[in-house]
Amino acid sequence: MSDRPAPLADPHLLFDPAAGRRDIVVLGCTGSIGTQAIDLALRNPDRFRVTALSAAGGRVALLAEQARQLRVEKVAVAREDAVPALKEALSAQYGPGETLPEILAGPDAATELAASACHTVLNGITGSIGLAPTLATLRAGRTLALANKESLIVGGPLVKELARPGQIIPVDSEHAALFQALTAGTRAEVRKLVVTASGGPFRGRTRAELAQVTVQDALAHPTWAMGPVITVNSATLVNKGLEVIEAHLLYDIPFERIEVVVHPQSYVHSMVEFTDGSTLAQATPPDMRGPIAIGLGWPHRIPDAAPAFDWSKASTWEFFPLDTEAFPAVGLARHVGALGGTAPAVFNAANEECVEAFLAGRLPFTAIMDTVSAVVDEHGTPRSGTSLTVQDVLEAEAWARARAREMAARAAAEARA
């Protein structure tokens, strides 16, 4: 492996090991990752100072409360129509004579914050709209704590072109686990990456049994509390397929050496198998504050960032092979990842549209992957190579979204007939 370029995420290549208090920008601050990151920062004021926050704009009261707690300099909302309500919420939080943070608004507001003066940008935005902030963070030379896997997946070549060795620290629990386990050996000693999957709420069901599952069924994840899109992606295992692509891009490991194994307890977050036969696993109770702490603090560990196991209590840890027939998402993800270019963007965008249709009750559960697969097949040979641009990605996504909506509408009509 020594003749290949350095991977994007490598614990042996630290971009900036500064040990002092770090200025942090949190993108997606009102979501699950953002709120837990803020909890971590508030509990560790000697290590982190949050200087700016961004959110979509749907929870302005929470955003204003966070801004007041952290005394941030800037807040941003993607929805310009949310500004009046945000100003009102900020005025209610701040006392007379206190200086309110500067407000940025619009689709480019988070991108502007990503380039602002700070040590680390935590990209906790959901969806491929996180690509522009990811690229802005890298261009500005900041450390990127990456929870927005979609930006890497849809813009892989663009991200790889900009990122310096060690500049990206992964925040997904699986990739934070791989990141830590990789410290045990050199790149040449890595035989395989093993990405664990809980199996979601439908583990053990056949494809036929999945045909009638409801939105409520899909949102009842057995071990993790996440947003609805990510939760449905976990139910279809699309999330695991995206993580396989992400692992390939982050660690420069070929797809055939990245394995997915089902682990219902979600205690082992991923494993690295080395050439001597040893396998190192990273394990904690299911809690995202641990991976977030790695993203914000590496190479330093944050004491009591997340709960630890009580080893005085008996427990059982199980591992099962992936059922690729009932859950074809991982195989399809490997296919589009190997194609490269705009194919991953098409896969991700089509899936986002289908998940939205499923959550709205317009598409059956099994039709999500059927539709995504059909869109990927129709897309054909992707634009790829060094000529790939952001515009190429945006155009591919727009086409995939429109085509997925058309196919989903047809599938819904057939299901009703």
Protein backbone atom coordinates (compact mmCIF):
# COMPACT_ATOMS: atom_id res chain seq x y z
CA MET A 1 0.00 0.00 0.00
CA SER A 2 3.02 2.30 0.36
CA ASP A 3 2.94 3.31 -3.31
CA ARG A 4 -0.55 4.83 -2.98
CA PRO A 5 -1.23 8.38 -1.80
CA ALA A 6 -1.83 9.03 1.88
CA PRO A 7 -5.44 8.43 2.97
CA LEU A 8 -7.69 11.37 3.84
CA ALA A 9 -8.03 10.24 7.47
CA ASP A 10 -4.88 8.84 9.04
CA PRO A 11 -4.23 8.94 12.80
CA HIS A 12 -0.51 8.72 12.08
CA LEU A 13 -0.59 11.99 10.07
CA LEU A 14 -1.87 14.76 12.33
CA PHE A 15 -2.88 17.93 10.56
CA ASP A 16 -2.68 20.07 13.71
CA PRO A 17 -2.09 18.50 17.13
CA ALA A 18 -2.67 21.79 19.02
CA ALA A 19 -3.34 21.09 22.69
CA GLY A 20 -4.72 24.48 23.75
CA ARG A 21 -8.34 25.58 23.76
CA ARG A 22 -9.74 25.21 20.28
CA ASP A 23 -12.15 27.55 18.56
CA ILE A 24 -14.94 25.46 16.99
CA VAL A 25 -17.59 26.19 14.36
CA VAL A 26 -20.60 23.85 14.54
CA LEU A 27 -22.62 23.37 11.35
CA GLY A 28 -25.98 21.68 11.84
CA CYS A 29 -26.07 22.78 15.48
CA THR A 30 -29.74 21.98 16.17
CA GLY A 31 -29.51 18.40 14.89
CA SER A 32 -28.48 15.30 16.82
CA ILE A 33 -24.73 15.65 16.18
CA GLY A 34 -24.75 19.40 16.75
CA THR A 35 -26.60 19.32 20.06
CA GLN A 36 -24.31 16.60 21.42
CA ALA A 37 -21.23 18.53 20.28
CA ILE A 38 -22.50 21.59 22.10
CA ASP A 39 -23.10 19.52 25.22
CA LEU A 40 -19.48 18.35 24.99
CA ALA A 41 -18.20 21.92 24.53
CA LEU A 42 -20.23 23.26 27.45
CA ARG A 43 -18.81 20.53 29.70
CA ASN A 44 -15.26 21.27 28.56
CA PRO A 45 -14.88 25.08 28.38
CA ASP A 46 -11.15 24.80 28.97
CA ARG A 47 -10.78 22.76 25.77
CA PHE A 48 -13.37 24.19 23.36
CA ARG A 49 -14.83 27.59 22.54
CA VAL A 50 -17.67 27.54 20.02
CA THR A 51 -17.47 30.74 17.97
CA ALA A 52 -20.21 30.21 15.38
CA LEU A 53 -23.31 28.11 14.77
CA SER A 54 -25.34 27.23 11.70
CA ALA A 55 -28.71 25.53 11.30
CA ALA A 56 -31.36 25.06 8.66
CA GLY A 57 -33.72 27.49 10.39
CA GLY A 58 -36.56 25.30 11.58
CA ARG A 59 -35.64 25.46 15.30
CA VAL A 60 -34.73 29.10 15.90
CA ALA A 61 -35.59 29.03 19.61
CA LEU A 62 -33.03 26.26 20.19
CA LEU A 63 -30.47 28.05 18.01
CA ALA A 64 -30.92 31.25 20.02
CA GLU A 65 -30.58 29.37 23.30
CA GLN A 66 -27.37 27.72 22.07
CA ALA A 67 -25.98 31.06 20.91
CA ARG A 68 -26.63 32.60 24.33
CA GLN A 69 -25.15 29.66 26.24
CA LEU A 70 -21.99 29.67 24.13
CA ARG A 71 -21.71 33.43 23.55
CA VAL A 72 -20.99 32.85 19.88
CA GLU A 73 -19.94 35.60 17.51
CA LYS A 74 -22.06 34.50 14.52
CA VAL A 75 -25.14 32.43 13.78
CA ALA A 76 -26.33 31.31 10.35
CA VAL A 77 -29.59 29.94 8.97
CA ALA A 78 -30.10 28.46 5.52
CA ARG A 79 -33.68 29.73 5.36
CA GLU A 80 -33.78 33.48 4.89
CA ASP A 81 -37.44 33.54 5.94
CA ALA A 82 -36.35 32.35 9.39
CA VAL A 83 -34.40 35.55 10.14
CA PRO A 84 -37.26 37.57 11.72
CA ALA A 85 -38.11 34.72 14.09
CA LEU A 86 -34.42 34.21 14.87
CA LYS A 87 -33.96 37.89 15.73
CA GLU A 88 -36.96 37.71 18.04
CA ALA A 89 -35.65 34.54 19.68
CA LEU A 90 -32.20 36.07 20.19
CA SER A 91 -33.69 39.22 21.71
CA ALA A 92 -35.62 37.05 24.17
CA GLN A 93 -32.45 35.20 25.19
CA TYR A 94 -30.09 38.14 25.56
CA GLY A 95 -30.40 40.78 28.25
CA PRO A 96 -30.60 44.57 27.77
CA GLY A 97 -27.36 46.00 26.44
CA GLU A 98 -25.90 42.58 25.52
CA THR A 99 -24.43 42.30 22.06
CA LEU A 100 -26.31 39.90 19.82
CA PRO A 101 -24.36 37.66 17.44
CA GLU A 102 -24.09 38.58 13.78
CA ILE A 103 -26.71 36.81 11.66
CA LEU A 104 -25.93 35.26 8.28
CA ALA A 105 -28.73 33.86 6.13
CA GLY A 106 -29.22 32.02 2.87
CA PRO A 107 -28.03 28.82 1.20
CA ASP A 108 -24.37 29.93 1.36
CA ALA A 109 -24.40 31.03 5.00
CA ALA A 110 -22.99 27.77 6.40
CA THR A 111 -20.29 27.79 3.73
CA GLU A 112 -19.26 31.29 4.79
CA LEU A 113 -19.03 30.18 8.42
CA ALA A 114 -16.96 27.15 7.41
CA ALA A 115 -14.25 29.46 6.09
CA SER A 116 -14.22 31.72 9.18
CA ALA A 117 -11.34 31.91 11.64
CA CYS A 118 -11.31 28.83 13.88
CA HIS A 119 -9.36 25.66 14.60
CA THR A 120 -11.99 23.03 13.72
CA VAL A 121 -15.23 22.96 11.77
CA LEU A 122 -17.69 20.24 12.77
CA ASN A 123 -19.84 19.53 9.72
CA GLY A 124 -22.96 17.95 11.17
CA ILE A 125 -25.26 18.95 8.31
CA THR A 126 -27.44 16.16 6.94
CA GLY A 127 -27.37 15.50 3.21
CA SER A 128 -25.25 16.48 0.22
CA ILE A 129 -25.86 20.19 0.87
CA GLY A 130 -22.91 19.76 3.22
CA LEU A 131 -20.49 19.51 0.27
CA ALA A 132 -19.88 23.25 -0.17
CA PRO A 133 -19.11 23.79 3.56
CA THR A 134 -16.77 20.77 3.52
CA LEU A 135 -14.83 22.20 0.57
CA ALA A 136 -14.76 25.67 2.14
CA THR A 137 -13.36 24.24 5.38
CA LEU A 138 -10.57 22.45 3.55
CA ARG A 139 -9.71 25.46 1.40
CA ALA A 140 -9.47 27.64 4.51
CA GLY A 141 -7.01 25.20 6.08
CA ARG A 142 -9.21 24.28 9.05
CA THR A 143 -9.40 20.85 10.61
CA LEU A 144 -12.60 19.16 9.43
CA ALA A 145 -14.49 17.02 11.93
CA LEU A 146 -16.65 15.22 9.39
CA ALA A 147 -20.07 13.90 10.36
CA ASN A 148 -21.57 14.81 6.97
CA LYS A 149 -20.61 11.64 5.12
CA GLU A 150 -22.65 12.65 2.07
CA SER A 151 -20.28 15.50 1.20
CA LEU A 152 -17.37 13.07 0.94
CA ILE A 153 -19.39 10.48 -0.93
CA VAL A 154 -20.83 12.79 -3.60
CA GLY A 155 -17.71 14.92 -3.94
CA GLY A 156 -14.98 12.35 -3.31
CA PRO A 157 -12.46 13.51 -5.96
CA LEU A 158 -13.07 17.17 -5.08
CA VAL A 159 -12.49 16.52 -1.38
CA LYS A 160 -9.39 14.40 -2.02
CA GLU A 161 -7.92 17.13 -4.19
CA LEU A 162 -8.19 19.72 -1.41
CA ALA A 163 -7.56 17.80 1.82
CA ARG A 164 -4.09 17.75 3.32
CA PRO A 165 -2.89 14.64 5.17
CA GLY A 166 -4.55 14.49 8.58
CA GLN A 167 -6.90 17.42 7.91
CA ILE A 168 -10.06 15.28 8.16
CA ILE A 169 -11.07 13.57 11.40
CA PRO A 170 -14.14 11.32 10.94
CA VAL A 171 -17.07 11.64 13.36
CA ASP A 172 -19.30 8.76 12.24
CA SER A 173 -19.08 6.15 14.98
CA GLU A 174 -17.87 3.50 12.53
CA HIS A 175 -15.15 5.66 11.02
CA ALA A 176 -14.05 7.08 14.35
CA ALA A 177 -13.67 3.45 15.43
CA LEU A 178 -11.58 2.55 12.38
CA PHE A 179 -9.54 5.72 12.86
CA GLN A 180 -8.65 4.70 16.41
CA ALA A 181 -7.99 1.03 15.61
CA LEU A 182 -5.66 1.99 12.77
CA THR A 183 -3.21 3.46 15.28
CA ALA A 184 -2.19 -0.14 16.10
CA GLY A 185 -0.30 -0.74 12.86
CA THR A 186 1.03 0.67 9.63
CA ARG A 187 -0.95 0.94 6.41
CA ALA A 188 0.98 -2.00 4.95
CA GLU A 189 -0.15 -4.17 7.87
CA VAL A 190 -3.90 -3.63 7.33
CA ARG A 191 -5.63 -6.63 5.76
CA LYS A 192 -9.28 -5.66 6.10
CA LEU A 193 -11.67 -3.06 7.49
CA VAL A 194 -14.76 -4.52 9.16
CA VAL A 195 -17.68 -2.10 9.39
CA THR A 196 -20.38 -3.10 11.85
CA ALA A 197 -24.11 -2.60 11.32
CA SER A 198 -26.85 -2.92 13.94
CA GLY A 199 -29.09 -4.45 11.29
CA GLY A 200 -31.72 -1.83 12.05
CA PRO A 201 -35.28 -2.62 13.16
CA PHE A 202 -35.78 -5.28 10.45
CA ARG A 203 -32.80 -7.55 11.08
CA GLY A 204 -33.72 -11.13 10.26
CA ARG A 205 -36.69 -10.30 8.05
CA THR A 206 -36.92 -11.52 4.48
CA ARG A 207 -37.60 -9.21 1.55
CA ALA A 208 -41.19 -10.48 1.43
CA GLU A 209 -41.65 -9.61 5.10
CA LEU A 210 -40.37 -6.08 4.46
CA ALA A 211 -43.07 -5.27 1.91
CA GLN A 212 -45.66 -4.12 4.46
CA VAL A 213 -43.51 -2.32 7.05
CA THR A 214 -44.69 1.15 8.07
CA VAL A 215 -42.92 4.45 8.64
CA GLN A 216 -43.34 3.95 12.38
CA ASP A 217 -41.71 0.51 12.09
CA ALA A 218 -38.76 1.96 10.19
CA LEU A 219 -38.24 4.80 12.67
CA ALA A 220 -38.07 2.43 15.66
CA HIS A 221 -34.29 1.92 15.65
CA PRO A 222 -33.26 -0.60 18.32
CA THR A 223 -30.06 1.08 19.55
CA TRP A 224 -29.55 4.61 18.18
CA ALA A 225 -31.59 7.82 18.46
CA MET A 226 -31.15 9.71 15.17
CA GLY A 227 -33.03 11.94 12.76
CA PRO A 228 -35.71 10.39 10.52
CA VAL A 229 -33.65 10.31 7.30
CA ILE A 230 -30.65 8.62 8.90
CA THR A 231 -32.95 6.24 10.79
CA VAL A 232 -34.66 5.12 7.58
CA ASN A 233 -31.24 4.80 5.94
CA SER A 234 -30.27 2.50 8.78
CA ALA A 235 -33.42 0.44 8.22
CA THR A 236 -32.62 -0.03 4.51
CA LEU A 237 -28.87 -0.29 5.28
CA VAL A 238 -28.22 2.53 2.79
CA ASN A 239 -26.41 4.20 5.66
CA LYS A 240 -24.04 1.23 5.82
CA GLY A 241 -23.53 1.35 2.06
CA LEU A 242 -22.60 5.02 2.30
CA GLU A 243 -20.19 4.17 5.11
CA VAL A 244 -18.46 1.56 2.93
CA ILE A 245 -17.87 4.22 0.27
CA GLU A 246 -16.73 6.63 2.97
CA ALA A 247 -14.28 4.08 4.40
CA HIS A 248 -12.83 3.49 0.94
CA LEU A 249 -12.29 7.22 0.44
CA LEU A 250 -11.05 8.00 3.96
CA TYR A 251 -8.59 5.14 4.35
CA ASP A 252 -7.70 4.27 0.75
CA ILE A 253 -8.65 0.61 1.20
CA PRO A 254 -10.08 -1.25 -1.84
CA PHE A 255 -13.77 -2.17 -1.69
CA GLU A 256 -13.02 -5.88 -1.72
CA ARG A 257 -11.19 -5.43 1.61
CA ILE A 258 -14.04 -3.64 3.36
CA GLU A 259 -16.52 -6.04 4.97
CA VAL A 260 -19.88 -5.37 6.63
CA VAL A 261 -20.98 -7.51 9.57
CA VAL A 262 -24.23 -7.25 11.54
CA HIS A 263 -23.77 -6.59 15.26
CA PRO A 264 -27.17 -5.96 16.89
CA GLN A 265 -25.88 -4.60 20.20
CA SER A 266 -23.97 -1.73 18.51
CA TYR A 267 -21.20 -2.02 21.11
CA VAL A 268 -18.38 -2.68 18.64
CA HIS A 269 -18.39 0.24 16.23
CA SER A 270 -15.95 -1.24 13.71
CA MET A 271 -12.80 -3.33 13.51
CA VAL A 272 -9.47 -3.50 11.71
CA GLU A 273 -7.98 -6.87 10.80
CA PHE A 274 -4.19 -6.87 10.44
CA THR A 275 -1.97 -9.15 8.38
CA ASP A 276 -0.80 -11.12 11.43
CA GLY A 277 -4.37 -12.29 12.09
CA SER A 278 -5.06 -9.84 14.90
CA THR A 279 -8.35 -7.90 14.84
CA LEU A 280 -8.66 -4.69 16.86
CA ALA A 281 -12.16 -3.53 17.75
CA GLN A 282 -13.23 -0.18 19.17
CA ALA A 283 -16.13 -0.57 21.59
CA THR A 284 -18.29 1.74 23.70
CA PRO A 285 -21.98 1.85 24.60
CA PRO A 286 -24.00 3.46 21.77
CA ASP A 287 -23.41 7.19 22.28
CA MET A 288 -22.23 9.70 19.68
CA ARG A 289 -20.46 11.96 22.16
CA GLY A 290 -17.44 9.66 22.07
CA PRO A 291 -16.91 9.93 18.28
CA ILE A 292 -17.63 13.67 18.44
CA ALA A 293 -14.95 14.06 21.11
CA ILE A 294 -12.48 12.25 18.85
CA GLY A 295 -13.38 14.60 16.00
CA LEU A 296 -12.98 17.75 18.05
CA GLY A 297 -10.10 16.80 20.33
CA TRP A 298 -7.81 14.38 18.48
CA PRO A 299 -5.03 13.44 19.22
CA HIS A 300 -6.11 14.26 22.77
CA ARG A 301 -8.89 12.34 24.50
CA ILE A 302 -11.62 14.14 26.41
CA PRO A 303 -12.17 12.64 29.90
CA ASP A 304 -15.70 11.32 30.48
CA ALA A 305 -16.83 12.35 27.00
CA ALA A 306 -19.23 9.40 26.90
CA PRO A 307 -20.33 6.48 29.11
CA ALA A 308 -18.08 3.44 29.52
CA PHE A 309 -19.02 -0.22 29.96
CA ASP A 310 -19.74 -1.70 33.34
CA TRP A 311 -17.61 -4.82 33.04
CA SER A 312 -19.00 -6.23 36.28
CA LYS A 313 -22.27 -7.01 34.45
CA ALA A 314 -22.68 -9.94 32.07
CA SER A 315 -23.40 -9.14 28.44
CA THR A 316 -23.58 -10.94 25.11
CA TRP A 317 -22.14 -9.57 21.87
CA GLU A 318 -23.36 -11.15 18.63
CA PHE A 319 -22.16 -10.96 15.03
CA PHE A 320 -24.01 -12.14 11.90
CA PRO A 321 -23.33 -12.06 8.16
CA LEU A 322 -25.21 -9.47 6.13
CA ASP A 323 -28.34 -10.65 4.28
CA THR A 324 -27.61 -9.13 0.87
CA GLU A 325 -30.88 -10.34 -0.67
CA ALA A 326 -33.16 -8.60 1.83
CA PHE A 327 -30.83 -5.61 2.08
CA PRO A 328 -29.19 -4.93 -1.31
CA ALA A 329 -28.10 -1.37 -0.44
CA VAL A 330 -24.53 -2.26 0.53
CA GLY A 331 -23.90 -4.12 -2.72
CA LEU A 332 -25.33 -1.25 -4.76
CA ALA A 333 -23.17 1.20 -2.83
CA ARG A 334 -20.05 -0.83 -3.62
CA HIS A 335 -21.06 -0.74 -7.29
CA VAL A 336 -21.49 3.04 -7.45
CA GLY A 337 -18.39 3.55 -5.34
CA ALA A 338 -16.34 1.53 -7.80
CA LEU A 339 -17.84 3.48 -10.71
CA GLY A 340 -16.88 6.73 -9.02
CA GLY A 341 -17.43 10.10 -10.64
CA THR A 342 -21.03 11.25 -10.34
CA ALA A 343 -22.44 7.77 -9.65
CA PRO A 344 -22.29 8.11 -5.81
CA ALA A 345 -24.03 11.49 -6.07
CA VAL A 346 -26.82 9.90 -8.13
CA PHE A 347 -27.16 7.06 -5.61
CA ASN A 348 -27.33 9.43 -2.65
CA ALA A 349 -29.70 11.96 -4.24
CA ALA A 350 -32.10 9.30 -5.50
CA ASN A 351 -32.13 7.73 -2.04
CA GLU A 352 -32.88 11.05 -0.33
CA GLU A 353 -35.89 11.57 -2.62
CA CYS A 354 -37.15 8.04 -2.05
CA VAL A 355 -36.78 8.29 1.72
CA GLU A 356 -38.77 11.53 1.65
CA ALA A 357 -41.49 9.79 -0.37
CA PHE A 358 -41.51 6.86 2.07
CA LEU A 359 -41.75 9.14 5.13
CA ALA A 360 -44.65 10.95 3.46
CA GLY A 361 -46.44 7.65 2.90
CA ARG A 362 -46.12 7.80 -0.89
CA LEU A 363 -43.71 4.89 -1.40
CA PRO A 364 -43.51 1.36 0.04
CA PHE A 365 -40.40 0.48 2.01
CA THR A 366 -39.00 -2.09 -0.44
CA ALA A 367 -39.56 0.33 -3.33
CA ILE A 368 -36.91 2.66 -1.88
CA MET A 369 -34.01 0.51 -3.02
CA ASP A 370 -35.78 -0.72 -6.15
CA THR A 371 -36.19 2.89 -7.27
CA VAL A 372 -32.65 3.93 -6.32
CA SER A 373 -31.25 0.96 -8.24
CA ALA A 374 -33.30 1.83 -11.31
CA VAL A 375 -32.07 5.44 -11.23
CA VAL A 376 -28.45 4.29 -10.88
CA ASP A 377 -28.85 1.89 -13.82
CA GLU A 378 -30.38 4.59 -16.00
CA HIS A 379 -27.61 7.01 -15.11
CA GLY A 380 -25.13 4.74 -16.83
CA THR A 381 -21.49 5.75 -17.22
CA PRO A 382 -20.72 8.61 -14.83
CA ARG A 383 -18.66 11.70 -15.46
CA SER A 384 -15.46 11.00 -13.60
CA GLY A 385 -11.76 11.62 -13.33
CA THR A 386 -9.93 14.87 -12.72
CA SER A 387 -12.48 16.77 -14.79
CA LEU A 388 -15.20 16.32 -12.15
CA THR A 389 -16.53 19.66 -10.89
CA VAL A 390 -19.03 20.79 -8.28
CA GLN A 391 -21.35 21.70 -11.14
CA ASP A 392 -21.15 18.14 -12.46
CA VAL A 393 -22.18 16.85 -9.04
CA LEU A 394 -25.05 19.33 -8.75
CA GLU A 395 -26.36 18.51 -12.22
CA ALA A 396 -26.16 14.77 -11.56
CA GLU A 397 -28.01 15.21 -8.28
CA ALA A 398 -30.72 17.34 -9.88
CA TRP A 399 -31.25 14.74 -12.60
CA ALA A 400 -31.31 11.89 -10.06
CA ARG A 401 -33.82 13.68 -7.83
CA ALA A 402 -36.18 14.42 -10.71
CA ARG A 403 -35.92 10.90 -12.06
CA ALA A 404 -36.41 9.36 -8.61
CA ARG A 405 -39.53 11.44 -8.05
CA GLU A 406 -40.95 10.27 -11.37
CA MET A 407 -40.17 6.62 -10.66
CA ALA A 408 -41.40 6.84 -7.07
CA ALA A 409 -44.70 8.34 -8.23
CA ARG A 410 -45.11 5.50 -10.72
CA ALA A 411 -44.24 2.86 -8.08
CA ALA A 412 -46.73 4.40 -5.65
CA ALA A 413 -49.44 4.34 -8.28
CA GLU A 414 -48.70 0.68 -9.05
CA ALA A 415 -48.80 -0.17 -5.35
CA ARG A 416 -52.24 1.40 -5.04
CA ALA A 417 -53.60 -0.35 -8.14
